[in-house]
Amino acid sequence: MTRIFAVLALFAVMFMAATLVLGLSLGDIRTDRSLDTQRWATVHRLSGITAGFLVVLVNSIVVTYFIGTSRWVKEVVETYRLDLDYIRRSNALKRRTFPWAVSAMLTIVAVVALGGAADPGAHPGSEQWTQFHLVGSILGLAFIAWASVAEWNKIYANHQVIEEVMNEVRRVRTERGLDVEA
């Protein structure tokens, strides 16, 4: 999961960054009413929505991963009567990761909402929202990148817990004369 998450999170953050660069390159779409500029503005809007979906998807995967693996750790520890500390560690990692995931999802929702408020086609007289959207986009990108690093660290730590549990299961199965995978 550490490699998969790293690739997905990097893709989502890079897509956000590309959308930000595209938005910055548009200029003032209120005064430039050329067809080309309006097409690129539409691409920017659609890219922003796509970036929002990507960030929510990646963070939803993180939440699902921690729900599943913490349950797995609990079941394996109880089945093999292993040290309960594994459950505590896995649950603690889950609890420390959820705020990052939820905050990243809420951040991208806020950035997209600010973009909607700044859209001159939807809201005439929305000029004041443009700066809020710009600042929100930059800060949101930085926060989501930071949250992704924090989540990756927690996923890596959880992977270590899973490896320790698997080693203990191998040890117990060997002691009991049961089959052990290679």
Protein backbone atom coordinates (compact mmCIF):
# COMPACT_ATOMS: atom_id res chain seq x y z
CA MET A 1 0.00 0.00 0.00
CA THR A 2 2.90 2.38 0.62
CA ARG A 3 3.90 2.39 -3.04
CA ILE A 4 0.34 2.52 -4.32
CA PHE A 5 -0.53 5.40 -2.01
CA ALA A 6 2.63 7.32 -2.92
CA VAL A 7 1.82 7.09 -6.63
CA LEU A 8 -1.85 8.01 -6.17
CA ALA A 9 -1.14 10.89 -3.80
CA LEU A 10 1.60 12.25 -6.04
CA PHE A 11 -0.71 12.06 -9.04
CA ALA A 12 -3.49 13.91 -7.18
CA VAL A 13 -1.13 16.63 -5.94
CA MET A 14 0.47 17.03 -9.38
CA PHE A 15 -2.98 17.25 -10.97
CA MET A 16 -3.90 19.96 -8.47
CA ALA A 17 -0.67 21.81 -9.27
CA ALA A 18 -1.31 21.57 -13.02
CA THR A 19 -4.82 22.90 -12.48
CA LEU A 20 -3.39 25.80 -10.45
CA VAL A 21 -0.87 26.62 -13.20
CA LEU A 22 -3.64 26.45 -15.79
CA GLY A 23 -5.75 28.85 -13.73
CA LEU A 24 -2.84 31.26 -13.34
CA SER A 25 -2.16 31.19 -17.07
CA LEU A 26 -5.72 32.22 -17.96
CA GLY A 27 -5.32 35.89 -17.12
CA ASP A 28 -8.49 37.88 -16.56
CA ILE A 29 -11.35 35.90 -18.05
CA ARG A 30 -13.76 38.73 -17.23
CA THR A 31 -12.15 41.05 -19.78
CA ASP A 32 -10.79 38.51 -22.28
CA ARG A 33 -13.94 37.03 -23.79
CA SER A 34 -12.19 35.25 -26.65
CA LEU A 35 -13.42 31.78 -27.45
CA ASP A 36 -9.97 30.30 -26.81
CA THR A 37 -9.74 31.82 -23.32
CA GLN A 38 -13.25 30.67 -22.46
CA ARG A 39 -12.42 27.14 -23.59
CA TRP A 40 -9.33 27.09 -21.37
CA ALA A 41 -11.42 28.45 -18.51
CA THR A 42 -13.77 25.50 -18.99
CA VAL A 43 -10.80 23.12 -19.00
CA HIS A 44 -9.64 24.75 -15.75
CA ARG A 45 -13.07 24.28 -14.16
CA LEU A 46 -13.26 20.64 -15.22
CA SER A 47 -9.68 20.04 -14.08
CA GLY A 48 -10.53 21.53 -10.70
CA ILE A 49 -13.48 19.21 -10.31
CA THR A 50 -11.35 16.26 -11.41
CA ALA A 51 -8.61 17.23 -8.94
CA GLY A 52 -11.28 17.36 -6.24
CA PHE A 53 -12.45 13.87 -7.09
CA LEU A 54 -8.87 12.58 -7.13
CA VAL A 55 -8.06 14.01 -3.70
CA VAL A 56 -11.28 12.61 -2.23
CA LEU A 57 -10.63 9.22 -3.89
CA VAL A 58 -7.06 8.96 -2.59
CA ASN A 59 -8.07 9.91 0.93
CA SER A 60 -11.05 7.56 0.84
CA ILE A 61 -8.67 4.76 -0.05
CA VAL A 62 -6.57 5.69 2.99
CA VAL A 63 -9.62 5.58 5.27
CA THR A 64 -10.71 2.24 3.81
CA TYR A 65 -7.20 0.83 4.15
CA PHE A 66 -6.98 1.69 7.84
CA ILE A 67 -10.47 0.39 8.59
CA GLY A 68 -9.64 -2.90 6.89
CA THR A 69 -6.16 -3.41 8.25
CA SER A 70 -7.00 -2.48 11.84
CA ARG A 71 -9.86 -5.00 11.72
CA TRP A 72 -7.52 -7.61 10.22
CA VAL A 73 -4.91 -7.01 12.94
CA LYS A 74 -7.58 -7.39 15.62
CA GLU A 75 -8.89 -10.66 14.20
CA VAL A 76 -5.43 -12.18 13.71
CA VAL A 77 -4.22 -11.12 17.18
CA GLU A 78 -7.34 -12.61 18.79
CA THR A 79 -7.17 -15.81 16.72
CA TYR A 80 -3.50 -16.49 17.49
CA ARG A 81 -3.60 -14.95 20.99
CA LEU A 82 -0.81 -12.53 20.21
CA ASP A 83 0.21 -9.45 22.16
CA LEU A 84 -2.70 -6.98 22.32
CA ASP A 85 -0.21 -4.17 21.77
CA TYR A 86 -0.48 -4.82 18.00
CA ILE A 87 -4.17 -3.89 18.11
CA ARG A 88 -3.44 -0.77 20.13
CA ARG A 89 -0.69 0.35 17.75
CA SER A 90 -2.77 -0.27 14.63
CA ASN A 91 -5.78 1.56 16.08
CA ALA A 92 -3.60 4.46 17.22
CA LEU A 93 -2.18 4.83 13.71
CA LYS A 94 -5.70 4.75 12.28
CA ARG A 95 -6.89 7.43 14.70
CA ARG A 96 -3.91 9.65 13.92
CA THR A 97 -4.42 9.28 10.16
CA PHE A 98 -8.15 9.93 9.89
CA PRO A 99 -7.91 13.66 10.75
CA TRP A 100 -5.35 14.15 7.96
CA ALA A 101 -7.54 12.33 5.43
CA VAL A 102 -10.73 14.13 6.39
CA SER A 103 -8.97 17.51 6.50
CA ALA A 104 -7.51 16.97 3.03
CA MET A 105 -10.96 16.10 1.69
CA LEU A 106 -12.53 19.15 3.31
CA THR A 107 -9.70 21.34 2.03
CA ILE A 108 -10.26 20.34 -1.59
CA VAL A 109 -14.00 20.87 -1.18
CA ALA A 110 -13.26 24.40 0.09
CA VAL A 111 -10.92 25.12 -2.85
CA VAL A 112 -13.53 23.92 -5.35
CA ALA A 113 -16.24 25.95 -3.58
CA LEU A 114 -14.07 29.06 -3.74
CA GLY A 115 -13.55 28.37 -7.43
CA GLY A 116 -17.28 28.18 -7.93
CA ALA A 117 -17.74 31.45 -6.06
CA ALA A 118 -15.06 33.08 -8.26
CA ASP A 119 -16.64 31.92 -11.53
CA PRO A 120 -17.83 35.02 -13.42
CA GLY A 121 -20.16 32.95 -15.56
CA ALA A 122 -22.04 31.66 -12.56
CA HIS A 123 -21.87 34.76 -10.36
CA PRO A 124 -21.58 38.17 -12.00
CA GLY A 125 -19.77 40.52 -9.66
CA SER A 126 -17.70 37.70 -8.13
CA GLU A 127 -14.35 39.48 -8.62
CA GLN A 128 -13.59 39.58 -4.89
CA TRP A 129 -13.71 35.78 -4.75
CA THR A 130 -10.91 35.39 -7.31
CA GLN A 131 -8.19 36.30 -4.80
CA PHE A 132 -9.75 34.06 -2.15
CA HIS A 133 -9.76 31.20 -4.66
CA LEU A 134 -6.13 31.85 -5.60
CA VAL A 135 -4.91 31.97 -2.00
CA GLY A 136 -7.10 29.01 -1.07
CA SER A 137 -5.73 27.00 -3.99
CA ILE A 138 -2.10 27.65 -3.07
CA LEU A 139 -2.63 26.97 0.63
CA GLY A 140 -4.86 23.98 -0.16
CA LEU A 141 -2.24 22.47 -2.45
CA ALA A 142 0.44 22.89 0.21
CA PHE A 143 -1.77 21.42 2.94
CA ILE A 144 -2.87 18.44 0.84
CA ALA A 145 0.75 17.71 -0.07
CA TRP A 146 1.72 17.90 3.61
CA ALA A 147 -1.24 15.71 4.61
CA SER A 148 -0.21 13.14 1.98
CA VAL A 149 3.27 12.93 3.48
CA ALA A 150 1.79 12.51 6.96
CA GLU A 151 -0.59 9.81 5.71
CA TRP A 152 2.22 7.99 3.91
CA ASN A 153 4.25 7.92 7.14
CA LYS A 154 1.29 6.41 9.02
CA ILE A 155 0.69 3.86 6.27
CA TYR A 156 4.35 2.87 6.41
CA ALA A 157 4.20 2.50 10.21
CA ASN A 158 1.04 0.42 9.90
CA HIS A 159 2.77 -1.77 7.33
CA GLN A 160 5.50 -2.40 9.91
CA VAL A 161 2.85 -3.48 12.45
CA ILE A 162 1.35 -5.86 9.89
CA GLU A 163 4.80 -7.33 9.17
CA GLU A 164 5.39 -7.90 12.89
CA VAL A 165 2.01 -9.63 13.20
CA MET A 166 2.81 -11.83 10.20
CA ASN A 167 6.17 -12.78 11.72
CA GLU A 168 4.45 -13.71 14.99
CA VAL A 169 1.87 -15.78 13.12
CA ARG A 170 4.67 -17.64 11.31
CA ARG A 171 6.36 -18.29 14.64
CA VAL A 172 3.16 -19.58 16.28
CA ARG A 173 2.27 -21.76 13.30
CA THR A 174 5.78 -23.23 13.24
CA GLU A 175 5.60 -23.98 16.98
CA ARG A 176 2.26 -25.73 16.47
CA GLY A 177 3.53 -27.74 13.49
CA LEU A 178 1.18 -26.04 11.06
CA ASP A 179 1.89 -25.09 7.46
CA VAL A 180 3.74 -21.84 7.02
CA GLU A 181 3.86 -20.03 3.70
CA ALA A 182 7.26 -19.47 2.22
